[in-house]
C-alpha atoms as a PDB file:
ATOM      1  CA  MET A   1     -16.239 -17.365  19.475  1.00  0.00           C
ATOM      2  CA  SER A   2     -19.375 -15.901  17.921  1.00  0.00           C
ATOM      3  CA  GLY A   3     -19.391 -13.712  14.833  1.00  0.00           C
ATOM      4  CA  ILE A   4     -21.180 -10.886  16.670  1.00  0.00           C
ATOM      5  CA  LYS A   5     -19.192  -7.658  16.876  1.00  0.00           C
ATOM      6  CA  LYS A   6     -19.205  -5.651  20.055  1.00  0.00           C
ATOM      7  CA  GLN A   7     -19.854  -1.914  19.808  1.00  0.00           C
ATOM      8  CA  SER A   8     -16.186  -1.178  20.618  1.00  0.00           C
ATOM      9  CA  ASP A   9     -15.008  -3.358  17.680  1.00  0.00           C
ATOM     10  CA  LYS A  10     -16.584  -1.069  15.063  1.00  0.00           C
ATOM     11  CA  PRO A  11     -14.277   1.440  13.351  1.00  0.00           C
ATOM     12  CA  CYS A  12     -14.552   5.081  14.328  1.00  0.00           C
ATOM     13  CA  ASN A  13     -16.686   6.839  11.707  1.00  0.00           C
ATOM     14  CA  THR A  14     -15.544  10.386  12.485  1.00  0.00           C
ATOM     15  CA  ILE A  15     -12.280  12.204  11.804  1.00  0.00           C
ATOM     16  CA  ASP A  16     -11.072  13.860  14.996  1.00  0.00           C
ATOM     17  CA  THR A  17      -7.654  14.900  13.655  1.00  0.00           C
ATOM     18  CA  LEU A  18      -6.453  15.866  10.174  1.00  0.00           C
ATOM     19  CA  ILE A  19      -2.866  16.178   8.982  1.00  0.00           C
ATOM     20  CA  GLY A  20      -3.093  18.327   5.849  1.00  0.00           C
ATOM     21  CA  VAL A  21      -1.469  17.669   2.490  1.00  0.00           C
ATOM     22  CA  ASN A  22       1.174  20.403   2.998  1.00  0.00           C
ATOM     23  CA  THR A  23       2.103  19.245   6.517  1.00  0.00           C
ATOM     24  CA  GLU A  24       5.082  17.128   7.586  1.00  0.00           C
ATOM     25  CA  ILE A  25       5.308  15.750  11.111  1.00  0.00           C
ATOM     26  CA  LYS A  26       8.545  14.321  12.491  1.00  0.00           C
ATOM     27  CA  GLY A  27       7.959  12.181  15.564  1.00  0.00           C
ATOM     28  CA  ASP A  28       5.609   9.487  16.786  1.00  0.00           C
ATOM     29  CA  ILE A  29       1.845  10.037  16.855  1.00  0.00           C
ATOM     30  CA  ASN A  30      -0.439   8.426  19.455  1.00  0.00           C
ATOM     31  CA  PHE A  31      -4.162   9.041  18.957  1.00  0.00           C
ATOM     32  CA  ASN A  32      -7.696   7.963  19.857  1.00  0.00           C
ATOM     33  CA  GLY A  33     -10.698   8.103  17.554  1.00  0.00           C
ATOM     34  CA  GLY A  34     -10.229   8.951  13.891  1.00  0.00           C
ATOM     35  CA  LEU A  35      -7.055  10.290  12.253  1.00  0.00           C
ATOM     36  CA  ARG A  36      -6.752  11.212   8.581  1.00  0.00           C
ATOM     37  CA  VAL A  37      -3.338  11.835   7.049  1.00  0.00           C
ATOM     38  CA  ASP A  38      -3.037  13.683   3.747  1.00  0.00           C
ATOM     39  CA  GLY A  39       0.536  14.834   4.404  1.00  0.00           C
ATOM     40  CA  ARG A  40       3.793  13.218   5.495  1.00  0.00           C
ATOM     41  CA  VAL A  41       4.695  11.550   8.811  1.00  0.00           C
ATOM     42  CA  VAL A  42       8.223  10.483   9.712  1.00  0.00           C
ATOM     43  CA  GLY A  43       7.670   8.373  12.820  1.00  0.00           C
ATOM     44  CA  ASP A  44       5.383   5.670  14.157  1.00  0.00           C
ATOM     45  CA  ILE A  45       1.584   6.032  14.274  1.00  0.00           C
ATOM     46  CA  ILE A  46      -0.183   4.234  17.126  1.00  0.00           C
ATOM     47  CA  GLY A  47      -3.915   4.088  17.783  1.00  0.00           C
ATOM     48  CA  ASP A  48      -4.402   4.051  21.550  1.00  0.00           C
ATOM     49  CA  GLY A  49      -7.514   3.385  23.554  1.00  0.00           C
ATOM     50  CA  ASP A  50     -10.318   1.104  22.495  1.00  0.00           C
ATOM     51  CA  LYS A  51     -10.582  -1.041  19.376  1.00  0.00           C
ATOM     52  CA  SER A  52     -12.432   1.632  17.378  1.00  0.00           C
ATOM     53  CA  SER A  53      -9.430   3.886  16.583  1.00  0.00           C
ATOM     54  CA  THR A  54      -9.179   4.329  12.815  1.00  0.00           C
ATOM     55  CA  LEU A  55      -6.414   5.677  10.578  1.00  0.00           C
ATOM     56  CA  VAL A  56      -7.183   6.867   7.048  1.00  0.00           C
ATOM     57  CA  LEU A  57      -4.283   7.578   4.683  1.00  0.00           C
ATOM     58  CA  SER A  58      -5.216   9.435   1.506  1.00  0.00           C
ATOM     59  CA  GLU A  59      -3.508   8.929  -1.845  1.00  0.00           C
ATOM     60  CA  HIS A  60      -1.201  11.888  -0.979  1.00  0.00           C
ATOM     61  CA  ALA A  61      -0.065  10.457   2.382  1.00  0.00           C
ATOM     62  CA  VAL A  62       3.431   9.122   3.063  1.00  0.00           C
ATOM     63  CA  VAL A  63       4.389   7.456   6.348  1.00  0.00           C
ATOM     64  CA  LYS A  64       7.974   6.462   7.116  1.00  0.00           C
ATOM     65  CA  GLY A  65       7.558   4.417  10.267  1.00  0.00           C
ATOM     66  CA  ASN A  66       5.565   1.574  11.749  1.00  0.00           C
ATOM     67  CA  VAL A  67       1.775   1.782  12.005  1.00  0.00           C
ATOM     68  CA  LYS A  68      -0.232   0.009  14.710  1.00  0.00           C
ATOM     69  CA  VAL A  69      -3.926   0.918  14.654  1.00  0.00           C
ATOM     70  CA  PRO A  70      -7.000  -1.330  15.075  1.00  0.00           C
ATOM     71  CA  HIS A  71      -8.677  -0.162  11.835  1.00  0.00           C
ATOM     72  CA  LEU A  72      -6.747   1.033   8.765  1.00  0.00           C
ATOM     73  CA  VAL A  73      -7.885   2.452   5.433  1.00  0.00           C
ATOM     74  CA  ILE A  74      -4.800   2.969   3.276  1.00  0.00           C
ATOM     75  CA  ASN A  75      -4.576   4.647  -0.111  1.00  0.00           C
ATOM     76  CA  GLY A  76      -1.087   6.152   0.336  1.00  0.00           C
ATOM     77  CA  ARG A  77       2.457   4.889   0.953  1.00  0.00           C
ATOM     78  CA  ILE A  78       3.851   3.303   4.128  1.00  0.00           C
ATOM     79  CA  GLU A  79       7.518   2.430   4.535  1.00  0.00           C
ATOM     80  CA  GLY A  80       7.375   0.297   7.668  1.00  0.00           C
ATOM     81  CA  ASN A  81       5.461  -2.552   9.237  1.00  0.00           C
ATOM     82  CA  VAL A  82       1.688  -2.305   9.534  1.00  0.00           C
ATOM     83  CA  SER A  83      -0.559  -3.861  12.172  1.00  0.00           C
ATOM     84  CA  GLY A  84      -4.356  -3.659  11.974  1.00  0.00           C
ATOM     85  CA  ALA A  85      -5.672  -5.734  14.877  1.00  0.00           C
ATOM     86  CA  GLU A  86      -9.265  -5.453  13.653  1.00  0.00           C
ATOM     87  CA  GLY A  87      -9.035  -4.809   9.909  1.00  0.00           C
ATOM     88  CA  VAL A  88      -6.945  -3.424   7.059  1.00  0.00           C
ATOM     89  CA  GLU A  89      -8.358  -1.987   3.840  1.00  0.00           C
ATOM     90  CA  LEU A  90      -5.836  -1.413   1.051  1.00  0.00           C
ATOM     91  CA  GLN A  91      -7.294   0.831  -1.616  1.00  0.00           C
ATOM     92  CA  ALA A  92      -6.132   1.006  -5.253  1.00  0.00           C
ATOM     93  CA  GLN A  93      -3.177   3.384  -4.702  1.00  0.00           C
ATOM     94  CA  ALA A  94      -1.952   1.792  -1.454  1.00  0.00           C
ATOM     95  CA  GLU A  95       1.734   0.908  -1.366  1.00  0.00           C
ATOM     96  CA  ILE A  96       3.287  -0.800   1.643  1.00  0.00           C
ATOM     97  CA  ILE A  97       6.965  -1.625   1.952  1.00  0.00           C
ATOM     98  CA  GLY A  98       6.967  -3.826   5.033  1.00  0.00           C
ATOM     99  CA  ASP A  99       4.986  -6.602   6.658  1.00  0.00           C
ATOM    100  CA  VAL A 100       1.218  -6.360   7.142  1.00  0.00           C
ATOM    101  CA  HIS A 101      -0.321  -7.991  10.224  1.00  0.00           C
ATOM    102  CA  TYR A 102      -4.117  -8.191  10.078  1.00  0.00           C
ATOM    103  CA  ARG A 103      -7.202  -9.966  11.351  1.00  0.00           C
ATOM    104  CA  MET A 104      -9.299  -9.150   8.277  1.00  0.00           C
ATOM    105  CA  ILE A 105      -7.971  -7.656   5.042  1.00  0.00           C
ATOM    106  CA  GLU A 106      -9.511  -6.161   1.932  1.00  0.00           C
ATOM    107  CA  MET A 107      -7.203  -5.393  -0.987  1.00  0.00           C
ATOM    108  CA  ALA A 108      -8.280  -3.486  -4.101  1.00  0.00           C
ATOM    109  CA  LEU A 109      -6.848  -4.069  -7.567  1.00  0.00           C
ATOM    110  CA  GLY A 110      -3.715  -1.927  -7.884  1.00  0.00           C
ATOM    111  CA  ALA A 111      -2.684  -2.014  -4.211  1.00  0.00           C
ATOM    112  CA  SER A 112       0.808  -3.369  -3.565  1.00  0.00           C
ATOM    113  CA  VAL A 113       2.585  -4.951  -0.614  1.00  0.00           C
ATOM    114  CA  ASN A 114       6.319  -5.622  -0.669  1.00  0.00           C
ATOM    115  CA  GLY A 115       6.563  -7.773   2.458  1.00  0.00           C
ATOM    116  CA  ASN A 116       4.705 -10.540   4.253  1.00  0.00           C
ATOM    117  CA  LEU A 117       0.980 -10.773   4.922  1.00  0.00           C
ATOM    118  CA  VAL A 118       0.508 -12.242   8.406  1.00  0.00           C
ATOM    119  CA  ARG A 119      -2.980 -13.184   9.549  1.00  0.00           C
ATOM    120  CA  GLU A 120      -3.420 -12.716  13.309  1.00  0.00           C
ATOM    121  CA  GLY A 121      -5.741 -14.665  15.565  1.00  0.00           C
ATOM    122  CA  ALA A 122      -5.927 -18.051  17.237  1.00  0.00           C
ATOM    123  CA  GLU A 123      -7.240 -19.816  14.122  1.00  0.00           C
ATOM    124  CA  ALA A 124      -4.432 -18.399  11.952  1.00  0.00           C
ATOM    125  CA  LYS A 125      -1.289 -19.234  13.929  1.00  0.00           C
ATOM    126  CA  GLY A 126       1.675 -19.636  11.627  1.00  0.00           C
ATOM    127  CA  SER A 127      -0.211 -18.275   8.630  1.00  0.00           C
ATOM    128  CA  VAL A 128       2.301 -16.227   6.628  1.00  0.00           C
ATOM    129  CA  THR A 129       1.987 -15.436   2.940  1.00  0.00           C
ATOM    130  CA  PRO A 130       5.208 -14.035   1.459  1.00  0.00           C
ATOM    131  CA  LEU A 131       4.638 -11.547  -1.353  1.00  0.00           C
ATOM    132  CA  LYS A 132       7.029 -10.135  -3.886  1.00  0.00           C
ATOM    133  CA  THR A 133       6.090  -7.051  -5.890  1.00  0.00           C
ATOM    134  CA  VAL A 134       6.661  -7.564  -9.595  1.00  0.00           C
ATOM    135  CA  ALA A 135       6.612  -5.187 -12.556  1.00  0.00           C
ATOM    136  CA  GLY A 136       3.217  -3.617 -13.205  1.00  0.00           C
ATOM    137  CA  GLY A 137       2.310  -3.317  -9.526  1.00  0.00           C
ATOM    138  CA  GLU A 138       0.923  -6.838  -9.290  1.00  0.00           C
ATOM    139  CA  ASN A 139       1.744  -9.254  -6.504  1.00  0.00           C
ATOM    140  CA  ASP A 140       3.288 -12.658  -7.042  1.00  0.00           C
ATOM    141  CA  SER A 141       2.422 -14.946  -4.168  1.00  0.00           C
ATOM    142  CA  ASN A 142       4.452 -17.830  -5.659  1.00  0.00           C
ATOM    143  CA  GLY A 143       1.313 -19.940  -5.873  1.00  0.00           C
ATOM    144  CA  LYS A 144       0.420 -19.537  -2.198  1.00  0.00           C
ATOM    145  CA  ASN A 145      -2.877 -18.018  -1.141  1.00  0.00           C
END
């Protein structure tokens, strides 16, 4: 497999849909393209279509449900399992209570995951890193990287 990305593998660089900071949605969301959430979603969020669908959660966003989107940029809170088939970016205020499945991950200082990190892909079969959130928002991987 070559390291060359196809056009459809690149994240969407436009926001097609915005859920405002004072908005709460109850129910599942299926979308294509770019979705930014500043508010609250109680339900699953699924990025349909090609591999470019991108979800951006601001520092105000709260999602209570599972998230399955090819590209994720998270700076809010998710209570549920997360799957980013192409890539997951956890920014400084990101908080995930659930497992994170990813192909590529970027995690900023201050982000927290209370669950397992599971790397997807043929070369990473069986690769699970259990994490436990400890006081101060740091992660203790019990010596495993």
